[in-house]
Protein backbone atom coordinates (compact mmCIF):
# COMPACT_ATOMS: atom_id res chain seq x y z
CA MET A 1 0.00 0.00 0.00
CA GLU A 2 1.25 3.49 -0.76
CA THR A 3 1.20 6.51 1.48
CA MET A 4 1.58 10.21 0.72
CA ILE A 5 1.45 13.21 2.99
CA GLY A 6 -1.97 14.73 2.59
CA ARG A 7 -2.54 18.33 1.53
CA GLY A 8 -3.88 19.10 4.97
CA VAL A 9 -0.74 17.69 6.54
CA ALA A 10 1.83 19.73 4.65
CA CYS A 11 1.41 22.74 6.92
CA ALA A 12 1.65 20.66 10.10
CA LEU A 13 4.69 18.75 8.93
CA GLY A 14 6.30 21.94 7.65
CA VAL A 15 5.88 23.57 11.04
CA ALA A 16 7.33 20.47 12.69
CA LEU A 17 10.35 20.54 10.41
CA TRP A 18 10.83 24.25 10.99
CA MET A 19 10.69 23.77 14.73
CA ALA A 20 13.10 20.85 14.58
CA GLY A 21 15.52 22.79 12.42
CA SER A 22 15.33 25.97 14.46
CA ALA A 23 15.85 24.04 17.69
CA LEU A 24 19.32 23.09 16.52
CA ALA A 25 20.47 26.72 16.63
CA ALA A 26 21.41 27.23 20.29
CA THR A 27 21.19 30.73 21.73
CA ALA A 28 23.59 30.10 24.59
CA ASP A 29 27.13 28.71 24.81
CA HIS A 30 27.12 26.82 28.09
CA GLY A 31 30.90 26.65 27.98
CA LYS A 32 30.97 30.38 28.82
CA PHE A 33 28.83 30.09 31.96
CA LYS A 34 30.80 30.66 35.15
CA GLU A 35 28.57 28.23 37.03
CA LEU A 36 29.62 25.36 34.76
CA GLN A 37 33.40 25.76 34.91
CA GLY A 38 33.69 23.18 37.67
CA PRO A 39 35.33 21.19 38.98
CA PHE A 40 32.37 19.05 40.06
CA ALA A 41 32.69 16.24 42.56
CA SER A 42 29.32 14.65 41.73
CA GLY A 43 26.34 14.76 39.45
CA GLU A 44 24.35 16.50 42.16
CA ASP A 45 26.84 19.39 42.04
CA VAL A 46 26.18 19.76 38.30
CA THR A 47 22.42 19.77 38.89
CA ARG A 48 22.75 22.55 41.48
CA ALA A 49 24.59 24.61 38.88
CA CYS A 50 21.91 23.89 36.24
CA LEU A 51 19.14 24.93 38.63
CA SER A 52 20.76 28.29 39.27
CA CYS A 53 19.40 29.27 35.83
CA HIS A 54 16.78 26.61 35.04
CA THR A 55 15.00 27.18 38.33
CA GLU A 56 11.84 25.17 37.59
CA ALA A 57 13.34 22.27 35.63
CA ALA A 58 13.80 19.82 38.52
CA ARG A 59 10.25 20.29 39.80
CA GLN A 60 8.94 19.69 36.30
CA VAL A 61 10.96 16.49 35.91
CA MET A 62 9.83 15.27 39.32
CA ALA A 63 6.20 15.42 38.16
CA THR A 64 6.83 12.93 35.34
CA ARG A 65 6.93 9.14 35.00
CA HIS A 66 10.58 9.40 34.04
CA TRP A 67 11.17 10.38 37.68
CA THR A 68 8.51 8.50 39.65
CA TRP A 69 8.59 5.30 37.57
CA GLU A 70 4.96 5.07 38.56
CA TYR A 71 1.68 5.59 36.78
CA GLU A 72 -1.98 5.17 37.70
CA ASN A 73 -3.82 2.91 35.27
CA PRO A 74 -6.94 4.85 34.21
CA ALA A 75 -8.76 1.56 33.63
CA ASP A 76 -8.73 0.40 37.25
CA GLY A 77 -6.69 2.86 39.34
CA SER A 78 -3.88 0.37 39.92
CA LYS A 79 -0.31 1.59 40.26
CA LEU A 80 1.85 0.71 37.29
CA GLY A 81 5.31 1.69 36.10
CA LYS A 82 8.84 0.35 36.20
CA LYS A 83 8.89 0.75 39.98
CA THR A 84 6.47 -2.11 40.58
CA MET A 85 5.56 -3.82 37.30
CA LEU A 86 6.65 -7.28 36.23
CA ASN A 87 8.10 -8.19 32.86
CA GLY A 88 9.44 -11.30 31.17
CA PHE A 89 13.00 -10.02 30.86
CA CYS A 90 14.84 -9.01 34.06
CA ILE A 91 11.46 -9.56 35.77
CA GLY A 92 11.42 -6.75 38.35
CA ASP A 93 13.14 -3.70 39.80
CA LYS A 94 12.76 -4.27 43.54
CA SER A 95 16.00 -5.36 45.28
CA ASN A 96 17.88 -4.63 42.04
CA GLU A 97 17.58 -0.83 42.15
CA ALA A 98 21.28 0.01 42.16
CA PHE A 99 21.62 -1.89 38.87
CA CYS A 100 18.36 -1.01 37.12
CA GLN A 101 18.41 2.67 38.07
CA SER A 102 21.25 3.41 35.69
CA CYS A 103 18.27 4.25 33.46
CA HIS A 104 16.62 6.54 36.00
CA VAL A 105 16.86 10.32 35.49
CA GLY A 106 18.27 10.69 38.98
CA TYR A 107 21.24 10.05 41.23
CA GLY A 108 21.39 7.59 44.11
CA TRP A 109 18.19 5.47 43.95
CA LYS A 110 19.51 2.25 45.43
CA ASP A 111 16.72 1.33 47.87
CA ASP A 112 13.54 2.62 49.50
CA SER A 113 15.45 5.40 51.27
CA PHE A 114 15.77 7.43 48.04
CA ASP A 115 14.47 10.97 48.48
CA PHE A 116 12.17 11.69 45.53
CA SER A 117 11.73 15.30 46.71
CA ALA A 118 15.43 16.30 46.55
CA GLU A 119 15.86 18.51 43.48
CA GLU A 120 19.63 18.03 43.32
CA LYS A 121 19.01 14.30 42.74
CA VAL A 122 17.55 15.03 39.28
CA ASP A 123 20.07 14.11 36.57
CA CYS A 124 19.99 16.83 33.89
CA LEU A 125 22.93 15.28 32.02
CA ALA A 126 21.19 11.96 31.38
CA CYS A 127 19.00 13.51 28.68
CA HIS A 128 20.96 16.62 27.70
CA ASN A 129 24.54 15.42 27.37
CA THR A 130 26.03 15.43 23.88
CA GLY A 131 28.68 12.80 24.59
CA GLY A 132 31.23 11.67 27.15
CA TYR A 133 28.63 10.69 29.76
CA LYS A 134 27.50 7.25 30.82
CA LYS A 135 25.64 6.03 33.90
CA LEU A 136 27.08 2.65 34.87
CA SER A 137 24.96 -0.30 35.97
CA GLY A 138 25.39 -0.96 39.67
CA LEU A 139 26.12 2.66 40.66
CA ALA A 140 22.50 3.65 41.39
CA GLY A 141 22.33 6.17 38.55
CA HIS A 142 25.77 7.70 38.96
CA PRO A 143 28.51 7.89 36.32
CA ALA A 144 32.10 6.98 37.21
CA TYR A 145 33.64 9.68 39.41
CA GLU A 146 37.07 8.02 39.40
CA ARG A 147 38.90 5.47 37.29
CA MET A 148 37.36 2.08 38.07
CA GLU A 149 37.18 -1.51 36.90
CA TRP A 150 33.88 -2.08 35.15
CA PRO A 151 32.20 -4.48 34.99
CA PRO A 152 33.71 -5.64 38.31
CA GLY A 153 36.18 -8.47 37.79
CA SER A 154 36.33 -7.96 34.02
CA GLY A 155 39.84 -6.51 33.87
CA LYS A 156 38.40 -3.56 31.91
CA PHE A 157 38.57 0.00 33.18
CA VAL A 158 36.59 3.18 32.61
CA GLU A 159 37.96 6.64 33.21
CA ALA A 160 36.42 9.23 35.50
CA THR A 161 33.71 11.33 33.85
CA ASP A 162 34.74 14.90 33.12
CA LEU A 163 31.58 16.43 34.53
CA ALA A 164 32.57 20.02 33.77
CA ARG A 165 33.18 19.25 30.11
CA VAL A 166 29.89 17.37 29.80
CA ALA A 167 27.99 20.19 31.53
CA GLN A 168 29.54 22.81 29.26
CA HIS A 169 28.41 20.90 26.15
CA VAL A 170 24.78 20.11 27.00
CA GLY A 171 22.23 20.32 24.23
CA HIS A 172 18.85 19.15 23.01
CA THR A 173 17.85 15.54 23.49
CA SER A 174 18.73 13.19 20.64
CA ARG A 175 18.14 9.66 19.47
CA GLU A 176 21.38 8.73 21.21
CA THR A 177 20.40 10.15 24.60
CA CYS A 178 16.86 8.72 24.53
CA GLY A 179 18.21 5.44 23.22
CA THR A 180 20.70 5.08 26.05
CA CYS A 181 17.79 3.76 28.08
CA HIS A 182 15.05 2.97 25.59
CA TYR A 183 17.27 0.91 23.27
CA TYR A 184 19.02 -1.01 26.03
CA GLY A 185 16.21 -1.91 28.44
CA GLY A 186 15.99 -5.55 29.48
CA GLY A 187 19.72 -6.15 29.52
CA GLY A 188 20.96 -5.26 26.05
CA ASP A 189 20.58 -3.56 22.70
CA GLY A 190 17.15 -4.15 21.16
CA VAL A 191 16.17 -6.72 23.79
CA LYS A 192 12.69 -5.51 24.73
CA HIS A 193 10.84 -3.56 22.09
CA GLY A 194 12.00 -5.03 18.80
CA ASP A 195 11.43 -1.70 17.03
CA LEU A 196 13.89 0.32 19.13
CA ASP A 197 17.64 -0.36 18.97
CA SER A 198 20.91 1.40 18.25
CA SER A 199 20.57 0.92 14.47
CA LEU A 200 18.19 3.90 14.56
CA ASN A 201 21.03 6.25 15.54
CA ALA A 202 22.27 6.16 11.95
CA ALA A 203 19.13 4.86 10.28
CA PRO A 204 18.98 4.52 6.49
CA ARG A 205 15.69 5.36 4.80
CA GLU A 206 14.86 1.67 4.36
CA LEU A 207 14.90 1.23 8.13
CA ASP A 208 12.89 4.27 9.23
CA VAL A 209 11.66 7.08 6.99
CA HIS A 210 11.30 9.49 9.90
CA MET A 211 14.68 8.96 11.54
CA ALA A 212 16.72 8.38 8.36
CA GLN A 213 19.81 10.55 8.19
CA ASP A 214 19.26 10.94 4.46
CA GLY A 215 15.61 11.77 5.03
CA LEU A 216 13.71 13.67 7.73
CA ASN A 217 16.36 12.89 10.37
CA PHE A 218 13.88 13.27 13.21
CA ALA A 219 14.96 13.15 16.83
CA CYS A 220 12.64 11.31 19.21
CA SER A 221 11.36 14.66 20.49
CA ASP A 222 10.05 15.65 17.06
CA CYS A 223 7.15 13.26 17.62
CA HIS A 224 7.31 12.90 21.41
CA GLN A 225 7.17 16.65 21.99
CA ALA A 226 7.48 17.41 25.69
CA GLU A 227 5.82 20.16 27.64
CA GLU A 228 7.32 20.93 31.04
CA HIS A 229 9.41 17.78 30.63
CA LYS A 230 6.33 15.56 30.29
CA VAL A 231 6.98 13.32 27.29
CA PRO A 232 3.85 12.01 25.50
CA GLY A 233 3.61 8.48 24.18
CA SER A 234 4.02 5.39 26.32
CA ARG A 235 3.42 1.67 25.93
CA ILE A 236 1.66 1.76 29.32
CA ALA A 237 -0.85 4.43 28.27
CA MET A 238 -1.26 4.23 24.52
CA THR A 239 -3.56 5.84 21.98
CA ALA A 240 -4.74 2.96 19.83
CA ALA A 241 -7.01 5.02 17.56
CA ASP A 242 -6.85 8.72 16.68
CA PRO A 243 -9.48 9.29 13.92
CA HIS A 244 -8.86 12.99 13.39
CA GLY A 245 -7.06 15.34 11.06
CA PRO A 246 -3.51 16.56 11.64
CA LEU A 247 -2.47 18.88 14.44
CA VAL A 248 -0.53 22.03 13.76
CA ARG A 249 2.60 21.78 15.88
CA GLY A 250 2.30 24.05 18.87
CA GLN A 251 -1.50 23.75 18.86
CA LYS A 252 -2.93 23.11 22.31
CA SER A 253 -4.86 19.86 22.27
CA GLU A 254 -5.87 17.01 24.53
CA ARG A 255 -4.79 14.59 21.81
CA ASN A 256 -1.58 12.61 21.99
CA PRO A 257 0.88 14.44 19.67
CA ALA A 258 2.89 11.27 19.16
CA THR A 259 0.30 9.39 17.07
CA CYS A 260 0.65 8.92 13.31
CA GLN A 261 -2.58 10.85 12.74
CA SER A 262 -1.39 13.90 14.66
CA CYS A 263 0.91 14.58 11.69
CA HIS A 264 -0.61 12.67 8.77
CA GLY A 265 -4.30 12.82 9.63
CA ASP A 266 -6.65 9.86 9.42
CA LYS A 267 -7.08 10.12 5.62
CA PRO A 268 -3.47 10.38 4.45
CA HIS A 269 -3.61 8.63 1.06
CA GLU A 270 -3.91 10.84 -2.03
CA GLU A 271 -3.43 8.60 -5.04
CA SER A 272 -6.17 8.21 -7.66
CA LEU A 273 -9.58 8.87 -6.14
CA LEU A 274 -10.69 5.24 -6.17
CA HIS A 275 -7.39 3.84 -4.88
CA ALA A 276 -6.94 6.52 -2.22
CA GLY A 277 -10.50 6.02 -0.99
CA ARG A 278 -9.94 2.30 -0.69
CA LEU A 279 -6.71 2.77 1.27
CA ASN A 280 -8.14 5.49 3.53
CA ALA A 281 -11.05 3.20 4.39
CA HIS A 282 -8.50 0.82 5.91
CA THR A 283 -7.76 3.35 8.67
CA ASP A 284 -11.16 2.56 10.19
CA THR A 285 -9.88 -0.94 10.93
CA LEU A 286 -6.08 -0.94 10.85
CA ALA A 287 -3.48 0.99 12.80
CA CYS A 288 -1.14 2.80 10.41
CA GLN A 289 1.70 0.66 11.74
CA ALA A 290 -0.02 -2.52 10.53
CA CYS A 291 0.74 -1.64 6.91
CA HIS A 292 3.78 0.58 7.25
CA ILE A 293 5.98 -1.57 9.50
CA PRO A 294 6.35 -4.82 7.55
CA SER A 295 8.82 -6.32 10.04
CA PHE A 296 10.79 -5.32 13.13
CA ALA A 297 14.38 -5.83 14.30
CA ARG A 298 15.51 -5.27 10.76
CA GLY A 299 18.46 -2.94 11.37
CA GLY A 300 20.98 -5.70 12.07
CA VAL A 301 20.31 -5.85 15.83
CA PRO A 302 18.37 -8.94 16.97
CA THR A 303 15.61 -8.71 19.54
CA LYS A 304 14.79 -11.27 22.21
CA MET A 305 11.70 -13.29 21.38
CA GLY A 306 12.10 -15.73 24.26
CA TRP A 307 13.90 -16.02 27.61
CA ASP A 308 13.98 -19.18 29.73
CA TRP A 309 15.16 -18.44 33.28
CA SER A 310 14.69 -22.08 34.32
CA THR A 311 17.97 -23.08 32.63
CA ALA A 312 20.04 -20.38 34.37
CA GLY A 313 22.73 -21.50 36.78
CA ARG A 314 24.46 -24.13 34.66
CA MET A 315 28.25 -24.21 34.92
CA ASP A 316 30.95 -25.28 32.49
CA GLN A 317 33.27 -28.27 32.97
CA ASN A 318 35.40 -26.19 35.32
CA GLY A 319 32.46 -25.22 37.47
CA LYS A 320 32.44 -21.67 36.14
CA PRO A 321 29.59 -19.62 34.61
CA PHE A 322 29.70 -19.38 30.84
CA GLN A 323 28.04 -17.96 27.75
CA LYS A 324 27.14 -19.61 24.46
CA LYS A 325 26.93 -17.60 21.23
CA ASP A 326 25.36 -18.20 17.83
CA ASP A 327 27.13 -17.98 14.48
CA LYS A 328 26.78 -14.19 14.48
CA GLY A 329 28.32 -13.78 17.93
CA HIS A 330 25.04 -13.11 19.74
CA VAL A 331 24.63 -14.63 23.19
CA ILE A 332 21.98 -17.36 23.23
CA TYR A 333 22.82 -18.82 26.67
CA ASP A 334 24.16 -17.14 29.79
CA SER A 335 24.62 -18.89 33.14
CA LYS A 336 23.28 -15.75 34.82
CA LYS A 337 20.10 -15.58 32.77
CA GLY A 338 19.34 -18.83 30.95
CA ASP A 339 18.46 -19.50 27.31
CA PHE A 340 17.46 -16.86 24.77
CA VAL A 341 15.56 -16.99 21.49
CA LEU A 342 16.59 -14.18 19.15
CA GLY A 343 14.84 -12.80 16.09
CA GLU A 344 15.68 -10.50 13.17
CA ASN A 345 13.40 -9.24 10.41
CA VAL A 346 10.44 -10.56 12.38
CA VAL A 347 6.95 -10.35 10.88
CA PRO A 348 4.66 -9.05 13.65
CA ASP A 349 1.66 -10.76 15.10
CA TYR A 350 -1.62 -8.84 14.78
CA LEU A 351 -4.45 -8.29 17.24
CA TRP A 352 -7.30 -5.94 18.09
CA PHE A 353 -6.25 -3.18 20.50
CA ASN A 354 -8.20 -0.24 21.96
CA GLY A 355 -5.40 1.21 24.09
CA LYS A 356 -6.48 -0.49 27.32
CA VAL A 357 -4.05 -2.93 28.94
CA THR A 358 -4.29 -5.00 32.11
CA TYR A 359 -1.27 -6.45 33.87
CA THR A 360 -0.34 -9.41 35.99
CA THR A 361 1.29 -8.12 39.19
CA ILE A 362 3.04 -9.72 42.15
CA ASP A 363 -0.41 -10.07 43.81
CA THR A 364 -2.11 -11.79 40.87
CA ARG A 365 -2.90 -15.46 41.38
CA ILE A 366 -1.82 -17.35 38.26
CA ASP A 367 -2.60 -20.67 36.62
CA PRO A 368 0.85 -22.19 35.95
CA SER A 369 -0.63 -24.97 33.82
CA ALA A 370 -1.29 -22.41 31.06
CA GLU A 371 0.88 -19.66 29.62
CA VAL A 372 0.61 -16.68 31.98
CA ALA A 373 -0.19 -13.34 30.32
CA ILE A 374 2.07 -10.68 31.85
CA ASN A 375 -0.10 -8.12 30.05
CA THR A 376 -3.34 -8.34 28.09
CA PHE A 377 -4.32 -6.01 25.24
CA HIS A 378 -8.04 -5.34 25.06
CA GLY A 379 -10.31 -4.53 22.15
CA GLY A 380 -12.38 -6.21 19.47
CA PRO A 381 -14.04 -5.69 16.10
CA ASP A 382 -17.12 -4.07 17.65
CA ASP A 383 -15.10 -1.53 19.65
CA PRO A 384 -14.95 1.86 17.87
CA ASP A 385 -11.67 2.68 19.66
CA ALA A 386 -9.96 -0.54 18.55
CA ARG A 387 -7.70 -1.08 15.56
CA ILE A 388 -5.69 -4.05 14.37
CA TRP A 389 -2.15 -3.50 15.66
CA PRO A 390 1.19 -5.18 14.91
CA VAL A 391 2.84 -6.54 18.04
CA LYS A 392 5.83 -8.48 19.26
CA ILE A 393 4.80 -11.45 21.42
CA PHE A 394 7.57 -12.37 23.82
CA HIS A 395 7.61 -15.79 25.49
CA GLY A 396 9.31 -16.33 28.82
CA LYS A 397 9.76 -18.86 31.58
CA GLN A 398 10.14 -17.34 35.01
CA PRO A 399 9.89 -18.31 38.69
CA TYR A 400 6.67 -18.50 40.67
CA ASP A 401 5.62 -19.54 44.17
CA VAL A 402 4.13 -23.04 43.97
CA GLU A 403 1.84 -22.59 46.99
CA HIS A 404 0.78 -18.96 46.60
CA ARG A 405 0.72 -19.21 42.81
CA THR A 406 2.21 -15.77 42.28
CA LEU A 407 5.09 -14.72 40.04
CA LEU A 408 8.28 -13.95 41.95
CA VAL A 409 10.87 -11.21 41.56
CA PRO A 410 14.38 -12.60 42.08
CA HIS A 411 17.23 -10.61 43.56
CA THR A 412 19.83 -10.90 40.83
CA ALA A 413 22.03 -7.92 40.11
CA THR A 414 23.48 -6.04 43.09
CA PRO A 415 26.39 -7.97 44.64
CA ASP A 416 25.71 -9.72 47.94
CA ASP A 417 25.39 -13.30 49.17
CA THR A 418 21.74 -13.54 48.02
CA ALA A 419 22.13 -12.20 44.46
CA PHE A 420 21.63 -14.91 41.85
CA TRP A 421 24.23 -13.55 39.44
CA TYR A 422 26.85 -13.97 42.15
CA ASN A 423 25.81 -17.16 43.97
CA PHE A 424 23.52 -18.96 41.46
CA ASP A 425 21.30 -19.94 44.39
CA TRP A 426 17.63 -19.67 43.40
CA PRO A 427 16.19 -20.21 46.93
CA LYS A 428 18.26 -17.34 48.36
CA ALA A 429 17.64 -15.04 45.40
CA LEU A 430 13.88 -15.60 45.46
CA ALA A 431 13.61 -15.20 49.24
CA ALA A 432 15.51 -11.89 49.06
CA GLY A 433 13.36 -10.67 46.17
CA ALA A 434 10.15 -11.59 47.97
CA ALA A 435 11.29 -9.74 51.09
CA ALA A 436 12.03 -6.63 49.01
CA THR A 437 8.64 -6.68 47.26
CA GLY A 438 6.71 -7.57 50.41
CA GLN A 439 5.41 -10.81 48.93
CA PRO A 440 4.58 -13.87 50.98
CA TYR A 441 6.95 -16.67 49.96
CA SER A 442 6.42 -20.34 50.76
CA GLY A 443 9.98 -21.34 49.93
CA LYS A 444 8.70 -23.62 47.16
CA PHE A 445 9.16 -22.46 43.60
CA ASP A 446 9.01 -23.63 40.01
CA PHE A 447 9.00 -21.94 36.59
CA ALA A 448 5.90 -20.89 34.64
CA ALA A 449 5.59 -20.16 30.93
CA THR A 450 4.72 -16.49 30.34
CA ARG A 451 3.97 -14.18 27.45
CA MET A 452 4.19 -10.43 27.07
CA ILE A 453 2.93 -8.15 24.28
CA TRP A 454 4.94 -5.21 22.95
CA PRO A 455 3.35 -2.77 20.45
CA ILE A 456 5.33 -2.13 17.26
CA THR A 457 5.37 1.53 16.25
CA HIS A 458 8.90 2.44 15.08
CA MET A 459 10.96 1.34 12.05
CA VAL A 460 8.42 2.78 9.61
CA ALA A 461 9.35 1.62 6.09
CA PRO A 462 9.26 3.74 2.91
CA LYS A 463 5.88 3.65 1.18
CA GLU A 464 7.20 1.39 -1.59
CA ARG A 465 8.11 -1.21 1.04
CA ALA A 466 4.81 -1.16 2.93
CA VAL A 467 2.88 -4.40 3.33
CA ALA A 468 1.55 -5.50 -0.07
CA CYS A 469 -2.18 -6.15 -0.47
CA HIS A 470 -1.79 -9.88 -1.11
CA GLU A 471 0.10 -10.34 2.16
CA CYS A 472 -3.16 -9.85 4.06
CA HIS A 473 -5.72 -10.71 1.37
CA SER A 474 -4.85 -14.39 1.22
CA ARG A 475 -5.95 -17.48 3.12
CA ASP A 476 -2.73 -17.84 5.14
CA GLY A 477 -1.82 -14.13 5.13
CA ARG A 478 -0.78 -11.83 7.93
CA LEU A 479 -4.32 -11.47 9.27
CA ALA A 480 -5.07 -15.19 9.31
CA GLY A 481 -5.54 -15.21 13.10
CA VAL A 482 -7.53 -11.98 13.40
CA GLU A 483 -11.24 -12.54 13.84
CA GLY A 484 -14.27 -10.34 13.46
CA ILE A 485 -13.60 -8.90 10.00
CA TYR A 486 -14.24 -10.00 6.46
CA VAL A 487 -11.02 -10.04 4.43
CA PRO A 488 -11.53 -10.60 0.69
CA GLY A 489 -9.19 -13.32 -0.46
CA ARG A 490 -9.10 -14.84 3.01
CA ASP A 491 -12.74 -15.34 3.89
CA GLY A 492 -15.85 -16.64 2.19
CA LEU A 493 -18.59 -19.24 2.60
CA PRO A 494 -17.76 -22.51 0.76
CA LEU A 495 -21.39 -23.01 -0.37
CA LEU A 496 -21.58 -19.42 -1.62
CA ARG A 497 -18.25 -19.80 -3.41
CA THR A 498 -19.45 -23.06 -5.01
CA ALA A 499 -22.73 -21.46 -6.02
CA GLY A 500 -20.80 -18.58 -7.57
CA TRP A 501 -18.62 -20.91 -9.61
CA LEU A 502 -21.67 -22.89 -10.70
CA ALA A 503 -23.42 -19.69 -11.73
CA ALA A 504 -20.36 -18.58 -13.69
CA LEU A 505 -20.09 -21.97 -15.40
CA ALA A 506 -23.82 -21.93 -16.17
CA ALA A 507 -23.48 -18.47 -17.69
CA LEU A 508 -20.51 -19.63 -19.77
CA ALA A 509 -22.43 -22.72 -20.87
CA GLY A 510 -25.39 -20.55 -21.82
CA VAL A 511 -23.16 -18.33 -23.92
CA LEU A 512 -21.59 -21.35 -25.65
CA ILE A 513 -24.97 -22.99 -26.28
CA HIS A 514 -26.43 -19.73 -27.54
CA GLY A 515 -23.47 -19.24 -29.86
CA ALA A 516 -23.74 -22.79 -31.16
CA LEU A 517 -27.46 -22.39 -31.87
CA ARG A 518 -26.85 -19.14 -33.71
CA ILE A 519 -24.25 -20.85 -35.89
CA LEU A 520 -26.58 -23.81 -36.61
CA THR A 521 -29.54 -21.61 -37.52
CA HIS A 522 -27.29 -19.49 -39.71
CA TYR A 523 -26.24 -22.46 -41.83
CA ARG A 524 -29.78 -23.92 -41.95
CA GLY A 525 -31.07 -20.68 -43.37
CA LYS A 526 -28.77 -21.09 -46.38
């Protein structure tokens, strides 16, 4: 299917491009600011200097999910967010804060004593550095302040971060700064999402038309435009359908400015009248991504499609932990984590989705005899807010309490005598994790099969590489498992189809008989 920017979109997109281009022209050289000359002993010292000018920035950040890691589900009022949610990858944050919080926009969150009201704890450099800055796993959100071995025991060293230099060269957010966390969540590049990985930093047009360096060269913030540091667009609170025309950038609206329709409108196709009408009618049923993202993990970085924790803890012949790699050098087994299933150029699964999601939490009683849904996407063909979405379905195997029938969060990452990555002792790791989360724990555990759904919304292909019509309009096509719609080429009643063929054959026979009779009567008349 082909897509063009509609006439009504040109103004909106033009404004967006103008804003993106003008944002690159800084009006201040931070290297000349006395407050940023340093030296700085810590990240907090840099933040204090930033706040001497940007007086409201910390308070704004502290009102966002990037700071709280918490969100109230509008569907049921439950508390969600990285702080408490489960996943099928590293499973949970509790007891592992010092490791996981390298992706928090703050300094020092290592346990429940973290002060969320302390403005100097906000990390301005995490999002606004332009290079030379890295928050190391295990340091509770801090960068290296002195030369240190990292990872511990690796024999590799990192140098102390030059905080003054980094502070003097701050700038607008970029794909690189956003990707530092959003590409590498779940333990590695491209692990979680499937449509977000480091290949987007230098994306060719074939990978993503919006982020292509030889194309629009969008930063993440061109779509996810923040106001007062609140960044719109989240897999936890998604807009599944946005049946409206385009927004003019800068226009105040209750709509999510990160949807496809906010730029392209809900009737974006402009080819011949008949063809465009047919394609635009699809937007009543399909998310734009369903046609315009033919596959994910197609930039050369594989994504994890499966993770089996039950096999973790195996040792090599010398009694040491080990890794196993595939022919391309990608890890497919790690003693710390178990077995992985990787995927590249993956064709998505498709399902109805209305933006509402429910989650399995540490309090949810599960049925371990069936695959446990970590999250459930809601919606159906009769729901006006639902569209058919492309998704990544991730399959896991993770620990649960046999008696209480609840999923467990293991203590894995921060070094002590109960951390699984350091002692390979499941009973200790699970007991420590349960204590940290406040879960009851019987001491008896096993591993349950799980599944988790991830929406696919990046890696938008050029229009000439969109999903072809026959890929859906066929019996075993992409939409084979989607119910509630009639798809020509896929569906039809056998009796009706047989009757149609019989009618066609009868018509053909009638034509042949009529022609034969005309020929016979013609010759008889002579």
